[in-house]
PDB file of N, CA and C in Angstrom:
ATOM      1  N   MET A   1      -3.060  -5.724  19.839  1.00  0.00           N
ATOM      2  CA  MET A   1      -1.740  -5.298  20.610  1.00  0.00           C
ATOM      3  C   MET A   1      -0.846  -6.103  20.761  1.00  0.00           C
ATOM      4  N   GLU A   2      -0.981  -7.201  20.642  1.00  0.00           N
ATOM      5  CA  GLU A   2       0.233  -8.147  20.602  1.00  0.00           C
ATOM      6  C   GLU A   2       1.455  -7.737  19.773  1.00  0.00           C
ATOM      7  N   LEU A   3       0.603  -7.335  18.457  1.00  0.00           N
ATOM      8  CA  LEU A   3       1.790  -6.890  17.017  1.00  0.00           C
ATOM      9  C   LEU A   3       2.339  -5.695  17.416  1.00  0.00           C
ATOM     10  N   MET A   4       1.688  -4.601  18.207  1.00  0.00           N
ATOM     11  CA  MET A   4       2.093  -3.609  18.561  1.00  0.00           C
ATOM     12  C   MET A   4       3.500  -3.739  19.733  1.00  0.00           C
ATOM     13  N   ARG A   5       3.245  -4.815  20.540  1.00  0.00           N
ATOM     14  CA  ARG A   5       4.451  -5.079  21.440  1.00  0.00           C
ATOM     15  C   ARG A   5       5.532  -5.711  20.891  1.00  0.00           C
ATOM     16  N   ILE A   6       5.276  -6.367  19.832  1.00  0.00           N
ATOM     17  CA  ILE A   6       6.292  -6.880  18.846  1.00  0.00           C
ATOM     18  C   ILE A   6       7.462  -5.930  18.383  1.00  0.00           C
ATOM     19  N   ARG A   7       6.401  -5.090  17.702  1.00  0.00           N
ATOM     20  CA  ARG A   7       7.227  -3.739  16.825  1.00  0.00           C
ATOM     21  C   ARG A   7       8.008  -2.846  18.171  1.00  0.00           C
ATOM     22  N   MET A   8       7.314  -2.620  18.997  1.00  0.00           N
ATOM     23  CA  MET A   8       8.098  -1.834  20.189  1.00  0.00           C
ATOM     24  C   MET A   8       9.624  -2.304  20.292  1.00  0.00           C
ATOM     25  N   LYS A   9       9.550  -3.871  20.266  1.00  0.00           N
ATOM     26  CA  LYS A   9      10.853  -4.201  20.527  1.00  0.00           C
ATOM     27  C   LYS A   9      11.711  -4.083  19.151  1.00  0.00           C
ATOM     28  N   LEU A  10      11.635  -3.675  18.212  1.00  0.00           N
ATOM     29  CA  LEU A  10      12.087  -3.577  17.094  1.00  0.00           C
ATOM     30  C   LEU A  10      13.126  -2.123  17.216  1.00  0.00           C
ATOM     31  N   SER A  11      14.479  -2.344  16.680  1.00  0.00           N
ATOM     32  CA  SER A  11      15.224  -1.088  16.700  1.00  0.00           C
ATOM     33  C   SER A  11      14.579  -0.416  15.528  1.00  0.00           C
ATOM     34  N   PRO A  12      14.240   1.003  15.130  1.00  0.00           N
ATOM     35  CA  PRO A  12      13.653   1.871  14.407  1.00  0.00           C
ATOM     36  C   PRO A  12      14.441   1.222  12.982  1.00  0.00           C
ATOM     37  N   GLY A  13      15.627   0.806  12.785  1.00  0.00           N
ATOM     38  CA  GLY A  13      15.848   0.531  11.547  1.00  0.00           C
ATOM     39  C   GLY A  13      15.131  -0.865  11.229  1.00  0.00           C
ATOM     40  N   GLN A  14      14.775  -1.549  11.959  1.00  0.00           N
ATOM     41  CA  GLN A  14      13.926  -2.853  11.765  1.00  0.00           C
ATOM     42  C   GLN A  14      12.540  -2.441  11.508  1.00  0.00           C
ATOM     43  N   ARG A  15      12.318  -1.548  12.019  1.00  0.00           N
ATOM     44  CA  ARG A  15      10.593  -1.352  12.086  1.00  0.00           C
ATOM     45  C   ARG A  15      10.834  -0.645  10.570  1.00  0.00           C
ATOM     46  N   LEU A  16      11.550   0.067   9.705  1.00  0.00           N
ATOM     47  CA  LEU A  16      11.652   0.751   8.761  1.00  0.00           C
ATOM     48  C   LEU A  16      11.500  -0.508   7.758  1.00  0.00           C
ATOM     49  N   GLN A  17      12.469  -1.571   8.084  1.00  0.00           N
ATOM     50  CA  GLN A  17      12.576  -2.314   7.144  1.00  0.00           C
ATOM     51  C   GLN A  17      11.278  -3.198   7.046  1.00  0.00           C
ATOM     52  N   ALA A  18      10.314  -3.457   8.126  1.00  0.00           N
ATOM     53  CA  ALA A  18       9.421  -4.091   8.123  1.00  0.00           C
ATOM     54  C   ALA A  18       8.243  -3.567   7.251  1.00  0.00           C
ATOM     55  N   MET A  19       8.374  -2.033   7.553  1.00  0.00           N
ATOM     56  CA  MET A  19       7.380  -1.421   6.747  1.00  0.00           C
ATOM     57  C   MET A  19       7.746  -1.522   5.017  1.00  0.00           C
ATOM     58  N   LEU A  20       9.128  -1.347   4.663  1.00  0.00           N
ATOM     59  CA  LEU A  20       9.280  -1.525   3.246  1.00  0.00           C
ATOM     60  C   LEU A  20       9.216  -2.987   2.761  1.00  0.00           C
ATOM     61  N   ASP A  21       9.229  -4.199   3.668  1.00  0.00           N
ATOM     62  CA  ASP A  21       8.677  -5.262   3.196  1.00  0.00           C
ATOM     63  C   ASP A  21       7.353  -5.602   2.974  1.00  0.00           C
ATOM     64  N   ALA A  22       6.270  -4.934   3.882  1.00  0.00           N
ATOM     65  CA  ALA A  22       5.009  -5.039   3.845  1.00  0.00           C
ATOM     66  C   ALA A  22       4.581  -3.979   2.519  1.00  0.00           C
ATOM     67  N   ARG A  23       5.152  -2.865   2.161  1.00  0.00           N
ATOM     68  CA  ARG A  23       5.016  -2.479   0.781  1.00  0.00           C
ATOM     69  C   ARG A  23       5.203  -3.198   0.106  1.00  0.00           C
ATOM     70  N   MET A  24       6.292  -3.918  -0.101  1.00  0.00           N
ATOM     71  CA  MET A  24       6.557  -4.693  -1.442  1.00  0.00           C
ATOM     72  C   MET A  24       5.968  -6.023  -1.563  1.00  0.00           C
ATOM     73  N   VAL A  25       5.046  -6.453  -0.482  1.00  0.00           N
ATOM     74  CA  VAL A  25       4.150  -7.426  -0.650  1.00  0.00           C
ATOM     75  C   VAL A  25       2.643  -6.798  -1.390  1.00  0.00           C
ATOM     76  N   LEU A  26       2.477  -5.552  -0.963  1.00  0.00           N
ATOM     77  CA  LEU A  26       1.358  -5.213  -1.220  1.00  0.00           C
ATOM     78  C   LEU A  26       1.407  -4.615  -2.807  1.00  0.00           C
ATOM     79  N   VAL A  27       2.222  -4.047  -3.132  1.00  0.00           N
ATOM     80  CA  VAL A  27       2.838  -3.996  -4.556  1.00  0.00           C
ATOM     81  C   VAL A  27       2.874  -4.760  -5.369  1.00  0.00           C
ATOM     82  N   GLY A  28       3.208  -6.398  -4.668  1.00  0.00           N
ATOM     83  CA  GLY A  28       3.339  -7.152  -5.611  1.00  0.00           C
ATOM     84  C   GLY A  28       1.922  -7.720  -5.907  1.00  0.00           C
ATOM     85  N   PHE A  29       0.830  -7.825  -4.796  1.00  0.00           N
ATOM     86  CA  PHE A  29      -0.263  -8.265  -5.170  1.00  0.00           C
ATOM     87  C   PHE A  29      -1.232  -7.518  -5.787  1.00  0.00           C
ATOM     88  N   ARG A  30      -0.997  -5.981  -5.819  1.00  0.00           N
ATOM     89  CA  ARG A  30      -1.652  -5.312  -6.798  1.00  0.00           C
ATOM     90  C   ARG A  30      -1.084  -5.707  -8.508  1.00  0.00           C
ATOM     91  N   ARG A  31       0.210  -5.642  -8.622  1.00  0.00           N
ATOM     92  CA  ARG A  31       0.797  -5.899  -9.677  1.00  0.00           C
ATOM     93  C   ARG A  31       0.053  -7.373 -10.433  1.00  0.00           C
ATOM     94  N   ALA A  32       0.183  -8.209  -9.583  1.00  0.00           N
ATOM     95  CA  ALA A  32      -0.504  -9.250  -9.956  1.00  0.00           C
ATOM     96  C   ALA A  32      -2.092  -9.271 -10.446  1.00  0.00           C
ATOM     97  N   ARG A  33      -2.584  -8.797  -9.840  1.00  0.00           N
ATOM     98  CA  ARG A  33      -4.182  -8.519  -9.798  1.00  0.00           C
ATOM     99  C   ARG A  33      -4.038  -7.562 -11.440  1.00  0.00           C
ATOM    100  N   LEU A  34      -3.147  -7.055 -11.408  1.00  0.00           N
ATOM    101  CA  LEU A  34      -3.255  -6.098 -12.643  1.00  0.00           C
ATOM    102  C   LEU A  34      -2.769  -7.022 -13.771  1.00  0.00           C
ATOM    103  N   ARG A  35      -2.101  -8.092 -13.695  1.00  0.00           N
ATOM    104  CA  ARG A  35      -1.209  -8.948 -14.881  1.00  0.00           C
ATOM    105  C   ARG A  35      -2.632  -9.945 -15.305  1.00  0.00           C
ATOM    106  N   ARG A  36      -3.599 -10.263 -14.075  1.00  0.00           N
ATOM    107  CA  ARG A  36      -4.562 -11.022 -14.239  1.00  0.00           C
ATOM    108  C   ARG A  36      -5.522 -10.168 -15.149  1.00  0.00           C
ATOM    109  N   GLN A  37      -5.417  -9.040 -14.903  1.00  0.00           N
ATOM    110  CA  GLN A  37      -6.788  -8.271 -15.434  1.00  0.00           C
ATOM    111  C   GLN A  37      -6.381  -7.817 -17.102  1.00  0.00           C
ATOM    112  N   TYR A  38      -4.947  -7.683 -17.191  1.00  0.00           N
ATOM    113  CA  TYR A  38      -4.197  -7.072 -18.471  1.00  0.00           C
ATOM    114  C   TYR A  38      -3.156  -7.948 -18.924  1.00  0.00           C
ATOM    115  N   PRO A  39      -3.496  -9.235 -19.251  1.00  0.00           N
ATOM    116  CA  PRO A  39      -2.359 -10.574 -19.592  1.00  0.00           C
ATOM    117  C   PRO A  39      -1.547  -9.878 -20.571  1.00  0.00           C
ATOM    118  N   ASP A  40      -2.094  -9.338 -21.435  1.00  0.00           N
ATOM    119  CA  ASP A  40      -1.164  -8.645 -22.542  1.00  0.00           C
ATOM    120  C   ASP A  40      -0.104  -7.600 -22.542  1.00  0.00           C
ATOM    121  N   LEU A  41      -0.417  -6.958 -21.236  1.00  0.00           N
ATOM    122  CA  LEU A  41       0.472  -5.625 -21.249  1.00  0.00           C
ATOM    123  C   LEU A  41       2.002  -6.043 -21.064  1.00  0.00           C
ATOM    124  N   SER A  42       2.754  -5.210 -21.420  1.00  0.00           N
ATOM    125  CA  SER A  42       4.185  -5.466 -21.366  1.00  0.00           C
ATOM    126  C   SER A  42       4.440  -4.979 -19.991  1.00  0.00           C
ATOM    127  N   ASP A  43       5.755  -5.152 -19.334  1.00  0.00           N
ATOM    128  CA  ASP A  43       6.188  -5.024 -17.948  1.00  0.00           C
ATOM    129  C   ASP A  43       6.074  -3.591 -17.673  1.00  0.00           C
ATOM    130  N   ARG A  44       6.402  -2.895 -18.958  1.00  0.00           N
ATOM    131  CA  ARG A  44       6.411  -1.334 -18.726  1.00  0.00           C
ATOM    132  C   ARG A  44       5.345  -0.864 -18.558  1.00  0.00           C
ATOM    133  N   ASP A  45       4.104  -1.048 -19.428  1.00  0.00           N
ATOM    134  CA  ASP A  45       2.673  -0.835 -19.543  1.00  0.00           C
ATOM    135  C   ASP A  45       2.077  -1.333 -18.119  1.00  0.00           C
ATOM    136  N   LEU A  46       2.506  -2.457 -17.848  1.00  0.00           N
ATOM    137  CA  LEU A  46       1.961  -2.784 -16.464  1.00  0.00           C
ATOM    138  C   LEU A  46       2.473  -1.869 -15.248  1.00  0.00           C
ATOM    139  N   ASN A  47       3.699  -1.622 -15.370  1.00  0.00           N
ATOM    140  CA  ASN A  47       4.139  -0.713 -14.672  1.00  0.00           C
ATOM    141  C   ASN A  47       3.680   0.832 -14.376  1.00  0.00           C
ATOM    142  N   MET A  48       3.212   1.275 -15.629  1.00  0.00           N
ATOM    143  CA  MET A  48       2.571   2.703 -15.938  1.00  0.00           C
ATOM    144  C   MET A  48       1.161   2.449 -15.069  1.00  0.00           C
ATOM    145  N   LYS A  49       0.487   1.106 -15.138  1.00  0.00           N
ATOM    146  CA  LYS A  49      -0.923   0.977 -14.721  1.00  0.00           C
ATOM    147  C   LYS A  49      -0.712   0.870 -13.215  1.00  0.00           C
ATOM    148  N   LEU A  50      -0.045   0.519 -12.928  1.00  0.00           N
ATOM    149  CA  LEU A  50       0.207   0.456 -11.225  1.00  0.00           C
ATOM    150  C   LEU A  50       0.387   1.794 -10.691  1.00  0.00           C
ATOM    151  N   LEU A  51       1.230   2.536 -11.457  1.00  0.00           N
ATOM    152  CA  LEU A  51       1.763   3.861 -10.807  1.00  0.00           C
ATOM    153  C   LEU A  51       0.252   4.777 -10.828  1.00  0.00           C
ATOM    154  N   GLU A  52      -0.260   4.494 -12.166  1.00  0.00           N
ATOM    155  CA  GLU A  52      -1.596   5.371 -12.090  1.00  0.00           C
ATOM    156  C   GLU A  52      -2.506   5.097 -10.836  1.00  0.00           C
ATOM    157  N   GLU A  53      -2.739   3.813 -10.492  1.00  0.00           N
ATOM    158  CA  GLU A  53      -3.434   3.131  -9.534  1.00  0.00           C
ATOM    159  C   GLU A  53      -2.943   3.940  -8.270  1.00  0.00           C
ATOM    160  N   ILE A  54      -1.669   3.839  -7.964  1.00  0.00           N
ATOM    161  CA  ILE A  54      -1.459   4.409  -6.868  1.00  0.00           C
ATOM    162  C   ILE A  54      -1.469   6.049  -6.751  1.00  0.00           C
ATOM    163  N   ASP A  55      -1.465   6.800  -7.926  1.00  0.00           N
ATOM    164  CA  ASP A  55      -1.501   8.071  -7.942  1.00  0.00           C
ATOM    165  C   ASP A  55      -3.081   8.362  -7.702  1.00  0.00           C
ATOM    166  N   ARG A  56      -4.039   7.736  -8.191  1.00  0.00           N
ATOM    167  CA  ARG A  56      -5.455   7.811  -7.848  1.00  0.00           C
ATOM    168  C   ARG A  56      -5.713   7.427  -6.750  1.00  0.00           C
ATOM    169  N   ALA A  57      -5.245   6.676  -6.001  1.00  0.00           N
ATOM    170  CA  ALA A  57      -5.393   6.321  -4.485  1.00  0.00           C
ATOM    171  C   ALA A  57      -4.986   7.132  -3.718  1.00  0.00           C
ATOM    172  N   LYS A  58      -3.783   8.293  -3.907  1.00  0.00           N
ATOM    173  CA  LYS A  58      -3.384   9.465  -3.436  1.00  0.00           C
ATOM    174  C   LYS A  58      -4.387  10.414  -3.086  1.00  0.00           C
ATOM    175  N   LYS A  59      -5.046  10.436  -4.515  1.00  0.00           N
ATOM    176  CA  LYS A  59      -5.883  11.697  -4.654  1.00  0.00           C
ATOM    177  C   LYS A  59      -7.213  11.715  -3.912  1.00  0.00           C
ATOM    178  N   LEU A  60      -7.684  10.367  -3.578  1.00  0.00           N
ATOM    179  CA  LEU A  60      -8.558  10.017  -2.830  1.00  0.00           C
ATOM    180  C   LEU A  60      -8.639  10.618  -1.717  1.00  0.00           C
ATOM    181  N   ALA A  61      -9.951  11.047  -1.011  1.00  0.00           N
ATOM    182  CA  ALA A  61     -10.042  11.686   0.356  1.00  0.00           C
ATOM    183  C   ALA A  61     -10.080  10.612   1.485  1.00  0.00           C
ATOM    184  N   ALA A  62      -9.065  10.672   2.421  1.00  0.00           N
ATOM    185  CA  ALA A  62      -9.261   9.382   2.977  1.00  0.00           C
ATOM    186  C   ALA A  62     -10.438   9.261   4.007  1.00  0.00           C
ATOM    187  N   ARG A  63     -11.298  10.373   4.320  1.00  0.00           N
ATOM    188  CA  ARG A  63     -12.347  10.056   5.043  1.00  0.00           C
ATOM    189  C   ARG A  63     -13.256  11.530   4.384  1.00  0.00           C
ATOM    190  N   PRO A  64     -14.357  10.832   3.571  1.00  0.00           N
ATOM    191  CA  PRO A  64     -14.756  12.084   2.772  1.00  0.00           C
ATOM    192  C   PRO A  64     -15.949  12.932   3.771  1.00  0.00           C
ATOM    193  N   TYR A  65     -16.109  12.539   4.695  1.00  0.00           N
ATOM    194  CA  TYR A  65     -17.340  12.650   5.859  1.00  0.00           C
ATOM    195  C   TYR A  65     -16.821  12.685   7.222  1.00  0.00           C
ATOM    196  N   PRO A  66     -16.926  13.415   7.957  1.00  0.00           N
ATOM    197  CA  PRO A  66     -16.482  13.272   9.428  1.00  0.00           C
ATOM    198  C   PRO A  66     -17.009  12.006   9.964  1.00  0.00           C
ATOM    199  N   ILE A  67     -16.775  11.467  11.121  1.00  0.00           N
ATOM    200  CA  ILE A  67     -16.668  10.579  11.843  1.00  0.00           C
ATOM    201  C   ILE A  67     -17.303  11.317  13.235  1.00  0.00           C
ATOM    202  N   PRO A  68     -18.758  10.620  13.711  1.00  0.00           N
ATOM    203  CA  PRO A  68     -19.020  11.400  14.779  1.00  0.00           C
ATOM    204  C   PRO A  68     -18.540  10.812  15.988  1.00  0.00           C
ATOM    205  N   GLY A  69     -18.075  11.895  16.619  1.00  0.00           N
ATOM    206  CA  GLY A  69     -16.923  11.543  18.053  1.00  0.00           C
ATOM    207  C   GLY A  69     -15.845  11.848  17.736  1.00  0.00           C
ATOM    208  N   TYR A  70     -14.993  11.927  16.581  1.00  0.00           N
ATOM    209  CA  TYR A  70     -13.875  12.478  16.264  1.00  0.00           C
ATOM    210  C   TYR A  70     -13.527  13.755  15.684  1.00  0.00           C
ATOM    211  N   PRO A  71     -12.593  14.337  16.154  1.00  0.00           N
ATOM    212  CA  PRO A  71     -12.180  15.509  15.507  1.00  0.00           C
ATOM    213  C   PRO A  71     -12.300  15.722  14.182  1.00  0.00           C
ATOM    214  N   ALA A  72     -12.581  16.640  13.563  1.00  0.00           N
ATOM    215  CA  ALA A  72     -12.631  16.737  12.085  1.00  0.00           C
ATOM    216  C   ALA A  72     -10.803  16.747  11.514  1.00  0.00           C
TER     217      ALA A  72
END
């Protein structure tokens, strides 16, 4: 709840920047994990692997089954 209160005090531009910063951190974590898994890949190939992961995640259903008590 405290985080929500802090976010509400930000301007729309500041909220957008915070979202972009968080995305950059998460992409960096994924890239670092892939680098550990595939240490011999070039930067280009590593970026392609990252894009494949992002594409695969987009194709997954957020909820493959309904949660009881929540609208479908």
